Amino acid sequence: AYFRIYEAEPAVAAGFRAQQIGSILRLTPLTMLANAVNALALLVIFYDSPSFHYVALWAAVLGCIIYKGTRAWLLQRKRPAPERVSTRALVRATQHAAALGVIWALLPILVFDNADTHLTLLLTSVCIGMLCAGGFALSTVPQAAMSYVLLVALGCEIALIKDGIAQNWDLAILLLLYSFIVCSAVLSSAKTFGA
């Protein structure tokens, strides 16, 4: 009920779900581009780091997701937009968002231990940027948006705690605050979309 953003008859709800999914699909090229640009930036930033092999492996996995997402979007464009979709479409969107959230959550957990302060701050900034951008791009499906945001935030929090909460407490608190704000904005935006 917390995530319910509208009340409607089944036929109307199916049409509204199509609009929710359509909104995400329209942003797919931009979100895939953002993922690719940030992955390339992280490869460059971590090139001389002892953790580069982790970043390279992570970027390869993310590259596969970007390829699959872009390919699915291109195939979808060739078909007429559906006027109605089932609740399964929202479940799939949430699963895809969660998978992407896990991938972004893993990187800080893998590399914070071997990164200097400069790299840690850059990675945190990139992850927070992806957290915010992903949350807003997925905001028409709040379950998907919040799954993504909370998983990325959890990964960053785990990394900050592993790296030493005494030295990272300020970043950890800011991350919690940003995550709360994004989740609140997602719900507000979704309810406006569903009004």
N, C-alpha and C. Protein backbone atom coordinates (compact mmCIF):
# COMPACT_ATOMS: atom_id res chain seq x y z
N ALA A 1 0.83 -1.20 0.00
CA ALA A 1 0.00 0.00 0.00
C ALA A 1 0.86 1.25 0.00
N TYR A 2 2.02 1.18 0.65
CA TYR A 2 2.92 2.33 0.72
C TYR A 2 3.36 2.77 -0.67
N PHE A 3 3.56 1.81 -1.56
CA PHE A 3 4.02 2.11 -2.92
C PHE A 3 2.87 2.33 -3.90
N ARG A 4 1.63 2.16 -3.45
CA ARG A 4 0.49 2.33 -4.35
C ARG A 4 0.34 3.81 -4.66
N ILE A 5 0.42 4.16 -5.94
CA ILE A 5 0.40 5.57 -6.30
C ILE A 5 -0.90 5.97 -6.99
N TYR A 6 -1.79 5.00 -7.17
CA TYR A 6 -3.09 5.31 -7.75
C TYR A 6 -4.06 4.18 -7.44
N GLU A 7 -5.32 4.51 -7.50
CA GLU A 7 -6.39 3.52 -7.36
C GLU A 7 -7.20 3.58 -8.65
N ALA A 8 -7.39 2.44 -9.30
CA ALA A 8 -8.13 2.45 -10.57
C ALA A 8 -8.69 1.08 -10.85
N GLU A 9 -9.66 1.06 -11.74
CA GLU A 9 -10.22 -0.20 -12.23
C GLU A 9 -9.11 -0.97 -12.96
N PRO A 10 -9.21 -2.31 -13.02
CA PRO A 10 -8.15 -3.10 -13.65
C PRO A 10 -7.75 -2.64 -15.05
N ALA A 11 -8.70 -2.33 -15.90
CA ALA A 11 -8.38 -1.92 -17.27
C ALA A 11 -7.64 -0.59 -17.29
N VAL A 12 -8.08 0.33 -16.44
CA VAL A 12 -7.42 1.64 -16.36
C VAL A 12 -6.03 1.48 -15.76
N ALA A 13 -5.91 0.64 -14.73
CA ALA A 13 -4.61 0.41 -14.09
C ALA A 13 -3.62 -0.17 -15.09
N ALA A 14 -4.06 -1.09 -15.95
CA ALA A 14 -3.17 -1.67 -16.96
C ALA A 14 -2.66 -0.60 -17.91
N GLY A 15 -3.51 0.35 -18.26
CA GLY A 15 -3.10 1.46 -19.11
C GLY A 15 -2.13 2.37 -18.41
N PHE A 16 -2.36 2.60 -17.12
CA PHE A 16 -1.45 3.46 -16.37
C PHE A 16 -0.09 2.79 -16.21
N ARG A 17 -0.08 1.47 -15.99
CA ARG A 17 1.20 0.75 -15.89
C ARG A 17 1.99 0.89 -17.19
N ALA A 18 1.29 0.87 -18.32
CA ALA A 18 1.97 1.06 -19.61
C ALA A 18 2.64 2.43 -19.66
N GLN A 19 1.98 3.45 -19.10
CA GLN A 19 2.58 4.78 -19.05
C GLN A 19 3.80 4.81 -18.13
N GLN A 20 3.70 4.10 -17.00
CA GLN A 20 4.83 4.03 -16.07
C GLN A 20 6.06 3.42 -16.76
N ILE A 21 5.85 2.29 -17.42
CA ILE A 21 6.95 1.61 -18.10
C ILE A 21 7.45 2.46 -19.27
N GLY A 22 6.52 3.07 -20.01
CA GLY A 22 6.90 3.93 -21.13
C GLY A 22 7.78 5.08 -20.70
N SER A 23 7.50 5.64 -19.53
CA SER A 23 8.31 6.73 -19.00
C SER A 23 9.74 6.29 -18.74
N ILE A 24 9.90 5.10 -18.19
CA ILE A 24 11.25 4.56 -17.95
C ILE A 24 11.96 4.27 -19.27
N LEU A 25 11.22 3.68 -20.21
CA LEU A 25 11.83 3.33 -21.51
C LEU A 25 12.33 4.56 -22.26
N ARG A 26 11.61 5.68 -22.15
CA ARG A 26 12.05 6.90 -22.83
C ARG A 26 13.39 7.38 -22.31
N LEU A 27 13.68 7.09 -21.04
CA LEU A 27 14.95 7.52 -20.45
C LEU A 27 16.06 6.48 -20.56
N THR A 28 15.74 5.31 -21.10
CA THR A 28 16.73 4.23 -21.17
C THR A 28 18.02 4.63 -21.88
N PRO A 29 17.97 5.28 -23.06
CA PRO A 29 19.24 5.64 -23.71
C PRO A 29 20.09 6.56 -22.83
N LEU A 30 19.45 7.51 -22.18
CA LEU A 30 20.18 8.44 -21.33
C LEU A 30 20.78 7.74 -20.11
N THR A 31 20.01 6.84 -19.49
CA THR A 31 20.53 6.14 -18.32
C THR A 31 21.65 5.17 -18.69
N MET A 32 21.53 4.51 -19.84
CA MET A 32 22.61 3.62 -20.28
C MET A 32 23.87 4.42 -20.61
N LEU A 33 23.69 5.60 -21.20
CA LEU A 33 24.83 6.48 -21.50
C LEU A 33 25.50 6.93 -20.20
N ALA A 34 24.71 7.31 -19.21
CA ALA A 34 25.26 7.73 -17.92
C ALA A 34 26.06 6.60 -17.27
N ASN A 35 25.53 5.38 -17.33
CA ASN A 35 26.25 4.22 -16.79
C ASN A 35 27.57 4.02 -17.52
N ALA A 36 27.54 4.11 -18.85
CA ALA A 36 28.75 3.89 -19.65
C ALA A 36 29.80 4.96 -19.38
N VAL A 37 29.38 6.23 -19.36
CA VAL A 37 30.32 7.33 -19.14
C VAL A 37 30.95 7.22 -17.75
N ASN A 38 30.14 6.91 -16.74
CA ASN A 38 30.69 6.78 -15.39
C ASN A 38 31.62 5.58 -15.26
N ALA A 39 31.28 4.48 -15.94
CA ALA A 39 32.17 3.31 -15.91
C ALA A 39 33.50 3.64 -16.56
N LEU A 40 33.48 4.32 -17.71
CA LEU A 40 34.73 4.72 -18.37
C LEU A 40 35.54 5.68 -17.50
N ALA A 41 34.85 6.63 -16.87
CA ALA A 41 35.54 7.57 -15.98
C ALA A 41 36.22 6.84 -14.83
N LEU A 42 35.53 5.85 -14.26
CA LEU A 42 36.11 5.10 -13.15
C LEU A 42 37.29 4.24 -13.60
N LEU A 43 37.22 3.71 -14.81
CA LEU A 43 38.37 2.97 -15.35
C LEU A 43 39.59 3.88 -15.47
N VAL A 44 39.38 5.09 -15.93
CA VAL A 44 40.50 6.05 -16.06
C VAL A 44 41.01 6.46 -14.69
N ILE A 45 40.09 6.78 -13.79
CA ILE A 45 40.47 7.24 -12.45
C ILE A 45 41.25 6.18 -11.69
N PHE A 46 40.83 4.92 -11.82
CA PHE A 46 41.46 3.84 -11.06
C PHE A 46 42.58 3.13 -11.83
N TYR A 47 43.00 3.68 -12.97
CA TYR A 47 43.97 2.99 -13.82
C TYR A 47 45.25 2.61 -13.07
N ASP A 48 45.78 3.50 -12.25
CA ASP A 48 47.02 3.22 -11.51
C ASP A 48 46.78 2.68 -10.11
N SER A 49 45.54 2.37 -9.80
CA SER A 49 45.20 1.89 -8.45
C SER A 49 45.42 0.38 -8.35
N PRO A 50 45.76 -0.10 -7.15
CA PRO A 50 45.86 -1.56 -6.96
C PRO A 50 44.51 -2.27 -7.18
N SER A 51 43.42 -1.52 -7.15
CA SER A 51 42.09 -2.11 -7.33
C SER A 51 41.62 -2.09 -8.78
N PHE A 52 42.50 -1.73 -9.71
CA PHE A 52 42.07 -1.57 -11.10
C PHE A 52 41.44 -2.85 -11.65
N HIS A 53 41.98 -4.02 -11.29
CA HIS A 53 41.43 -5.27 -11.82
C HIS A 53 39.98 -5.47 -11.37
N TYR A 54 39.65 -5.04 -10.14
CA TYR A 54 38.25 -5.11 -9.69
C TYR A 54 37.37 -4.17 -10.51
N VAL A 55 37.88 -2.96 -10.74
CA VAL A 55 37.11 -1.97 -11.50
C VAL A 55 36.91 -2.46 -12.94
N ALA A 56 37.95 -3.06 -13.53
CA ALA A 56 37.85 -3.56 -14.90
C ALA A 56 36.82 -4.70 -15.00
N LEU A 57 36.86 -5.62 -14.04
CA LEU A 57 35.88 -6.72 -14.02
C LEU A 57 34.47 -6.18 -13.83
N TRP A 58 34.33 -5.25 -12.88
CA TRP A 58 33.02 -4.62 -12.63
C TRP A 58 32.51 -3.92 -13.89
N ALA A 59 33.40 -3.16 -14.56
CA ALA A 59 33.01 -2.44 -15.77
C ALA A 59 32.59 -3.40 -16.87
N ALA A 60 33.23 -4.56 -16.96
CA ALA A 60 32.85 -5.55 -17.97
C ALA A 60 31.44 -6.08 -17.69
N VAL A 61 31.13 -6.35 -16.43
CA VAL A 61 29.78 -6.82 -16.07
C VAL A 61 28.76 -5.72 -16.36
N LEU A 62 29.09 -4.49 -15.97
CA LEU A 62 28.19 -3.38 -16.25
C LEU A 62 28.02 -3.18 -17.75
N GLY A 63 29.09 -3.37 -18.51
CA GLY A 63 29.02 -3.27 -19.97
C GLY A 63 28.03 -4.27 -20.56
N CYS A 64 28.01 -5.47 -20.01
CA CYS A 64 27.03 -6.48 -20.47
C CYS A 64 25.61 -6.01 -20.19
N ILE A 65 25.39 -5.43 -19.01
CA ILE A 65 24.06 -4.92 -18.66
C ILE A 65 23.67 -3.77 -19.59
N ILE A 66 24.62 -2.89 -19.86
CA ILE A 66 24.36 -1.75 -20.76
C ILE A 66 24.00 -2.27 -22.15
N TYR A 67 24.74 -3.25 -22.62
CA TYR A 67 24.48 -3.83 -23.94
C TYR A 67 23.07 -4.44 -23.98
N LYS A 68 22.74 -5.26 -22.97
CA LYS A 68 21.43 -5.90 -22.95
C LYS A 68 20.30 -4.88 -22.83
N GLY A 69 20.49 -3.87 -21.99
CA GLY A 69 19.48 -2.84 -21.82
C GLY A 69 19.26 -2.03 -23.09
N THR A 70 20.36 -1.67 -23.75
CA THR A 70 20.26 -0.89 -24.99
C THR A 70 19.63 -1.74 -26.10
N ARG A 71 20.03 -2.99 -26.17
CA ARG A 71 19.47 -3.90 -27.19
C ARG A 71 17.97 -4.09 -26.98
N ALA A 72 17.55 -4.28 -25.74
CA ALA A 72 16.12 -4.44 -25.44
C ALA A 72 15.35 -3.17 -25.81
N TRP A 73 15.95 -2.02 -25.52
CA TRP A 73 15.30 -0.75 -25.85
C TRP A 73 15.14 -0.60 -27.37
N LEU A 74 16.20 -0.97 -28.12
CA LEU A 74 16.13 -0.87 -29.59
C LEU A 74 15.06 -1.80 -30.15
N LEU A 75 14.98 -3.01 -29.61
CA LEU A 75 13.94 -3.96 -30.06
C LEU A 75 12.55 -3.44 -29.71
N GLN A 76 12.40 -2.85 -28.55
CA GLN A 76 11.11 -2.33 -28.12
C GLN A 76 10.65 -1.18 -29.01
N ARG A 77 11.60 -0.38 -29.48
CA ARG A 77 11.26 0.77 -30.33
C ARG A 77 10.64 0.35 -31.65
N LYS A 78 10.95 -0.86 -32.10
CA LYS A 78 10.42 -1.34 -33.38
C LYS A 78 8.97 -1.77 -33.28
N ARG A 79 8.50 -1.97 -32.05
CA ARG A 79 7.12 -2.40 -31.84
C ARG A 79 6.28 -1.20 -31.41
N PRO A 80 4.99 -1.25 -31.67
CA PRO A 80 4.13 -0.18 -31.15
C PRO A 80 4.10 -0.23 -29.61
N ALA A 81 4.06 0.93 -29.01
CA ALA A 81 4.02 0.99 -27.54
C ALA A 81 2.75 0.31 -27.05
N PRO A 82 2.88 -0.57 -26.07
CA PRO A 82 1.67 -1.25 -25.56
C PRO A 82 0.76 -0.26 -24.84
N GLU A 83 -0.52 -0.48 -25.01
CA GLU A 83 -1.50 0.37 -24.33
C GLU A 83 -1.80 -0.12 -22.93
N ARG A 84 -1.54 -1.40 -22.70
CA ARG A 84 -1.76 -1.99 -21.38
C ARG A 84 -0.62 -2.96 -21.08
N VAL A 85 -0.20 -2.98 -19.82
CA VAL A 85 0.78 -3.98 -19.39
C VAL A 85 0.33 -4.58 -18.06
N SER A 86 0.81 -5.77 -17.78
CA SER A 86 0.44 -6.46 -16.55
C SER A 86 1.33 -5.99 -15.40
N THR A 87 0.97 -6.42 -14.22
CA THR A 87 1.79 -6.09 -13.05
C THR A 87 3.17 -6.74 -13.14
N ARG A 88 3.28 -7.80 -13.95
CA ARG A 88 4.58 -8.46 -14.13
C ARG A 88 5.61 -7.49 -14.72
N ALA A 89 5.17 -6.56 -15.54
CA ALA A 89 6.09 -5.58 -16.13
C ALA A 89 6.72 -4.72 -15.04
N LEU A 90 5.93 -4.35 -14.04
CA LEU A 90 6.48 -3.57 -12.93
C LEU A 90 7.44 -4.41 -12.10
N VAL A 91 7.11 -5.69 -11.93
CA VAL A 91 8.00 -6.60 -11.20
C VAL A 91 9.32 -6.74 -11.94
N ARG A 92 9.26 -6.91 -13.27
CA ARG A 92 10.50 -7.02 -14.06
C ARG A 92 11.31 -5.74 -13.99
N ALA A 93 10.65 -4.59 -14.07
CA ALA A 93 11.36 -3.31 -13.97
C ALA A 93 12.06 -3.20 -12.62
N THR A 94 11.39 -3.65 -11.57
CA THR A 94 11.99 -3.61 -10.23
C THR A 94 13.17 -4.56 -10.14
N GLN A 95 13.05 -5.74 -10.73
CA GLN A 95 14.16 -6.71 -10.72
C GLN A 95 15.37 -6.17 -11.49
N HIS A 96 15.12 -5.56 -12.64
CA HIS A 96 16.22 -4.98 -13.42
C HIS A 96 16.90 -3.85 -12.66
N ALA A 97 16.08 -3.00 -12.03
CA ALA A 97 16.65 -1.89 -11.24
C ALA A 97 17.46 -2.42 -10.07
N ALA A 98 16.96 -3.46 -9.42
CA ALA A 98 17.68 -4.05 -8.29
C ALA A 98 19.00 -4.66 -8.75
N ALA A 99 19.00 -5.33 -9.91
CA ALA A 99 20.24 -5.91 -10.43
C ALA A 99 21.27 -4.82 -10.70
N LEU A 100 20.83 -3.72 -11.31
CA LEU A 100 21.75 -2.61 -11.56
C LEU A 100 22.21 -1.99 -10.25
N GLY A 101 21.31 -1.90 -9.28
CA GLY A 101 21.68 -1.39 -7.97
C GLY A 101 22.73 -2.24 -7.28
N VAL A 102 22.61 -3.56 -7.41
CA VAL A 102 23.60 -4.47 -6.82
C VAL A 102 24.96 -4.25 -7.47
N ILE A 103 24.97 -4.10 -8.79
CA ILE A 103 26.25 -3.89 -9.49
C ILE A 103 26.92 -2.61 -9.00
N TRP A 104 26.16 -1.52 -8.89
CA TRP A 104 26.74 -0.26 -8.40
C TRP A 104 27.10 -0.36 -6.93
N ALA A 105 26.38 -1.18 -6.15
CA ALA A 105 26.68 -1.35 -4.73
C ALA A 105 27.98 -2.12 -4.51
N LEU A 106 28.28 -3.05 -5.42
CA LEU A 106 29.46 -3.89 -5.24
C LEU A 106 30.78 -3.14 -5.42
N LEU A 107 30.79 -2.16 -6.32
CA LEU A 107 32.07 -1.50 -6.61
C LEU A 107 32.70 -0.85 -5.38
N PRO A 108 32.00 -0.01 -4.63
CA PRO A 108 32.66 0.56 -3.46
C PRO A 108 33.08 -0.49 -2.44
N ILE A 109 32.28 -1.54 -2.29
CA ILE A 109 32.65 -2.59 -1.34
C ILE A 109 33.97 -3.24 -1.77
N LEU A 110 34.16 -3.43 -3.06
CA LEU A 110 35.36 -4.09 -3.57
C LEU A 110 36.61 -3.21 -3.51
N VAL A 111 36.47 -1.91 -3.72
CA VAL A 111 37.68 -1.09 -3.93
C VAL A 111 38.01 -0.10 -2.83
N PHE A 112 37.12 0.18 -1.90
CA PHE A 112 37.41 1.18 -0.88
C PHE A 112 38.64 0.83 -0.06
N ASP A 113 38.82 -0.45 0.25
CA ASP A 113 39.94 -0.86 1.11
C ASP A 113 41.30 -0.48 0.54
N ASN A 114 41.43 -0.55 -0.80
CA ASN A 114 42.73 -0.28 -1.43
C ASN A 114 42.84 1.10 -2.06
N ALA A 115 41.84 1.94 -1.85
CA ALA A 115 41.84 3.25 -2.49
C ALA A 115 42.31 4.32 -1.51
N ASP A 116 43.03 5.32 -2.06
CA ASP A 116 43.41 6.44 -1.20
C ASP A 116 42.20 7.37 -1.01
N THR A 117 42.38 8.39 -0.19
CA THR A 117 41.27 9.28 0.15
C THR A 117 40.69 9.96 -1.09
N HIS A 118 41.55 10.37 -2.00
CA HIS A 118 41.11 11.04 -3.22
C HIS A 118 40.22 10.12 -4.05
N LEU A 119 40.64 8.87 -4.26
CA LEU A 119 39.85 7.92 -5.03
C LEU A 119 38.55 7.57 -4.33
N THR A 120 38.61 7.45 -3.01
CA THR A 120 37.41 7.15 -2.23
C THR A 120 36.37 8.25 -2.40
N LEU A 121 36.83 9.49 -2.33
CA LEU A 121 35.91 10.63 -2.47
C LEU A 121 35.32 10.69 -3.88
N LEU A 122 36.15 10.45 -4.89
CA LEU A 122 35.65 10.44 -6.27
C LEU A 122 34.62 9.34 -6.48
N LEU A 123 34.94 8.15 -6.00
CA LEU A 123 34.01 7.03 -6.16
C LEU A 123 32.69 7.30 -5.43
N THR A 124 32.78 7.84 -4.23
CA THR A 124 31.57 8.18 -3.48
C THR A 124 30.73 9.19 -4.25
N SER A 125 31.39 10.18 -4.84
CA SER A 125 30.67 11.19 -5.61
C SER A 125 29.97 10.58 -6.82
N VAL A 126 30.66 9.70 -7.54
CA VAL A 126 30.07 9.04 -8.71
C VAL A 126 28.87 8.19 -8.27
N CYS A 127 29.04 7.43 -7.19
CA CYS A 127 27.95 6.57 -6.72
C CYS A 127 26.74 7.39 -6.28
N ILE A 128 26.97 8.51 -5.60
CA ILE A 128 25.85 9.35 -5.18
C ILE A 128 25.18 9.96 -6.41
N GLY A 129 25.97 10.34 -7.40
CA GLY A 129 25.38 10.86 -8.64
C GLY A 129 24.52 9.80 -9.32
N MET A 130 25.01 8.57 -9.39
CA MET A 130 24.23 7.49 -10.00
C MET A 130 23.00 7.16 -9.17
N LEU A 131 23.14 7.23 -7.85
CA LEU A 131 22.00 6.97 -6.96
C LEU A 131 20.89 7.99 -7.24
N CYS A 132 21.25 9.26 -7.30
CA CYS A 132 20.25 10.31 -7.53
C CYS A 132 19.65 10.21 -8.93
N ALA A 133 20.51 10.07 -9.93
CA ALA A 133 20.03 10.01 -11.31
C ALA A 133 19.14 8.79 -11.52
N GLY A 134 19.55 7.65 -11.02
CA GLY A 134 18.76 6.43 -11.17
C GLY A 134 17.43 6.53 -10.45
N GLY A 135 17.45 7.12 -9.26
CA GLY A 135 16.21 7.28 -8.51
C GLY A 135 15.19 8.11 -9.27
N PHE A 136 15.64 9.20 -9.86
CA PHE A 136 14.71 10.06 -10.59
C PHE A 136 14.30 9.45 -11.93
N ALA A 137 15.23 8.76 -12.60
CA ALA A 137 14.88 8.13 -13.88
C ALA A 137 13.83 7.03 -13.70
N LEU A 138 13.85 6.38 -12.55
CA LEU A 138 12.91 5.28 -12.27
C LEU A 138 11.70 5.70 -11.44
N SER A 139 11.55 6.99 -11.21
CA SER A 139 10.58 7.46 -10.22
C SER A 139 9.13 7.12 -10.53
N THR A 140 8.79 6.85 -11.78
CA THR A 140 7.39 6.50 -12.07
C THR A 140 7.03 5.11 -11.56
N VAL A 141 8.05 4.30 -11.28
CA VAL A 141 7.83 2.97 -10.66
C VAL A 141 8.58 2.99 -9.33
N PRO A 142 7.92 3.46 -8.26
CA PRO A 142 8.64 3.67 -7.01
C PRO A 142 9.33 2.43 -6.44
N GLN A 143 8.74 1.24 -6.66
CA GLN A 143 9.41 0.03 -6.17
C GLN A 143 10.77 -0.13 -6.83
N ALA A 144 10.84 0.12 -8.13
CA ALA A 144 12.10 0.00 -8.86
C ALA A 144 13.09 1.06 -8.39
N ALA A 145 12.62 2.30 -8.31
CA ALA A 145 13.50 3.40 -7.91
C ALA A 145 14.07 3.19 -6.51
N MET A 146 13.20 2.81 -5.59
CA MET A 146 13.66 2.66 -4.21
C MET A 146 14.55 1.43 -4.03
N SER A 147 14.28 0.37 -4.78
CA SER A 147 15.18 -0.80 -4.73
C SER A 147 16.57 -0.39 -5.17
N TYR A 148 16.64 0.33 -6.29
CA TYR A 148 17.93 0.77 -6.83
C TYR A 148 18.64 1.69 -5.84
N VAL A 149 17.94 2.71 -5.37
CA VAL A 149 18.54 3.70 -4.48
C VAL A 149 19.04 3.05 -3.19
N LEU A 150 18.21 2.23 -2.58
CA LEU A 150 18.58 1.64 -1.29
C LEU A 150 19.73 0.64 -1.43
N LEU A 151 19.78 -0.08 -2.55
CA LEU A 151 20.90 -1.01 -2.74
C LEU A 151 22.22 -0.27 -2.97
N VAL A 152 22.20 0.76 -3.79
CA VAL A 152 23.43 1.54 -4.02
C VAL A 152 23.87 2.18 -2.70
N ALA A 153 22.92 2.75 -1.97
CA ALA A 153 23.26 3.38 -0.68
C ALA A 153 23.82 2.35 0.30
N LEU A 154 23.22 1.17 0.33
CA LEU A 154 23.70 0.12 1.24
C LEU A 154 25.14 -0.27 0.90
N GLY A 155 25.43 -0.44 -0.39
CA GLY A 155 26.79 -0.78 -0.79
C GLY A 155 27.79 0.29 -0.37
N CYS A 156 27.42 1.54 -0.56
CA CYS A 156 28.32 2.64 -0.16
C CYS A 156 28.49 2.70 1.35
N GLU A 157 27.40 2.49 2.09
CA GLU A 157 27.49 2.50 3.55
C GLU A 157 28.39 1.37 4.05
N ILE A 158 28.24 0.18 3.48
CA ILE A 158 29.10 -0.95 3.88
C ILE A 158 30.56 -0.61 3.61
N ALA A 159 30.83 -0.03 2.44
CA ALA A 159 32.20 0.33 2.09
C ALA A 159 32.75 1.38 3.06
N LEU A 160 31.96 2.38 3.40
CA LEU A 160 32.41 3.42 4.33
C LEU A 160 32.68 2.84 5.71
N ILE A 161 31.84 1.92 6.15
CA ILE A 161 32.04 1.29 7.47
C ILE A 161 33.29 0.41 7.44
N LYS A 162 33.46 -0.37 6.37
CA LYS A 162 34.66 -1.22 6.25
C LYS A 162 35.93 -0.39 6.23
N ASP A 163 35.87 0.77 5.56
CA ASP A 163 37.04 1.63 5.43
C ASP A 163 37.37 2.33 6.74
N GLY A 164 36.42 2.41 7.64
CA GLY A 164 36.63 3.05 8.94
C GLY A 164 35.58 4.12 9.19
N ILE A 165 34.59 3.78 9.97
CA ILE A 165 33.48 4.71 10.20
C ILE A 165 33.96 5.97 10.92
N ALA A 166 35.03 5.85 11.71
CA ALA A 166 35.54 7.02 12.43
C ALA A 166 35.99 8.12 11.46
N GLN A 167 36.57 7.71 10.34
CA GLN A 167 37.05 8.72 9.38
C GLN A 167 36.02 9.04 8.31
N ASN A 168 34.98 8.22 8.20
CA ASN A 168 33.98 8.42 7.15
C ASN A 168 32.58 8.73 7.67
N TRP A 169 32.44 9.04 8.95
CA TRP A 169 31.11 9.24 9.52
C TRP A 169 30.35 10.35 8.82
N ASP A 170 31.07 11.41 8.39
CA ASP A 170 30.39 12.52 7.74
C ASP A 170 29.80 12.09 6.39
N LEU A 171 30.59 11.34 5.60
CA LEU A 171 30.08 10.83 4.32
C LEU A 171 28.93 9.85 4.53
N ALA A 172 29.04 9.02 5.56
CA ALA A 172 27.98 8.04 5.84
C ALA A 172 26.67 8.74 6.18
N ILE A 173 26.73 9.79 6.97
CA ILE A 173 25.51 10.53 7.33
C ILE A 173 24.94 11.25 6.12
N LEU A 174 25.81 11.90 5.33
CA LEU A 174 25.34 12.58 4.12
C LEU A 174 24.68 11.61 3.16
N LEU A 175 25.26 10.43 3.02
CA LEU A 175 24.70 9.42 2.13
C LEU A 175 23.30 8.99 2.59
N LEU A 176 23.15 8.79 3.89
CA LEU A 176 21.82 8.44 4.42
C LEU A 176 20.82 9.56 4.16
N LEU A 177 21.26 10.79 4.35
CA LEU A 177 20.39 11.95 4.12
C LEU A 177 19.97 12.04 2.66
N TYR A 178 20.94 11.92 1.74
CA TYR A 178 20.62 11.99 0.31
C TYR A 178 19.68 10.86 -0.10
N SER A 179 19.93 9.67 0.42
CA SER A 179 19.08 8.52 0.08
C SER A 179 17.66 8.75 0.55
N PHE A 180 17.51 9.29 1.77
CA PHE A 180 16.18 9.58 2.29
C PHE A 180 15.48 10.63 1.42
N ILE A 181 16.21 11.67 1.04
CA ILE A 181 15.62 12.74 0.21
C ILE A 181 15.20 12.18 -1.15
N VAL A 182 16.06 11.37 -1.77
CA VAL A 182 15.73 10.80 -3.08
C VAL A 182 14.50 9.89 -2.97
N CYS A 183 14.46 9.03 -1.95
CA CYS A 183 13.31 8.13 -1.78
C CYS A 183 12.03 8.92 -1.55
N SER A 184 12.10 9.98 -0.74
CA SER A 184 10.93 10.82 -0.50
C SER A 184 10.49 11.51 -1.79
N ALA A 185 11.46 12.01 -2.56
CA ALA A 185 11.14 12.68 -3.83
C ALA A 185 10.54 11.69 -4.83
N VAL A 186 11.05 10.47 -4.83
CA VAL A 186 10.52 9.44 -5.73
C VAL A 186 9.04 9.20 -5.44
N LEU A 187 8.71 9.01 -4.16
CA LEU A 187 7.31 8.75 -3.80
C LEU A 187 6.43 9.94 -4.13
N SER A 188 6.91 11.14 -3.86
CA SER A 188 6.13 12.34 -4.16
C SER A 188 5.91 12.48 -5.66
N SER A 189 6.98 12.26 -6.43
CA SER A 189 6.89 12.36 -7.88
C SER A 189 5.96 11.29 -8.46
N ALA A 190 6.06 10.07 -7.94
CA ALA A 190 5.22 8.98 -8.44
C ALA A 190 3.76 9.25 -8.13
N LYS A 191 3.48 9.78 -6.96
CA LYS A 191 2.08 10.06 -6.61
C LYS A 191 1.53 11.22 -7.44
N THR A 192 2.39 12.17 -7.78
CA THR A 192 1.96 13.25 -8.68
C THR A 192 1.67 12.69 -10.06
N PHE A 193 2.55 11.79 -10.53
CA PHE A 193 2.38 11.14 -11.82
C PHE A 193 1.08 10.35 -11.86
N GLY A 194 0.73 9.76 -10.72
CA GLY A 194 -0.47 8.92 -10.66
C GLY A 194 -1.74 9.66 -10.31
N ALA A 195 -1.64 10.96 -10.06
CA ALA A 195 -2.83 11.71 -9.66
C ALA A 195 -3.80 11.88 -10.82
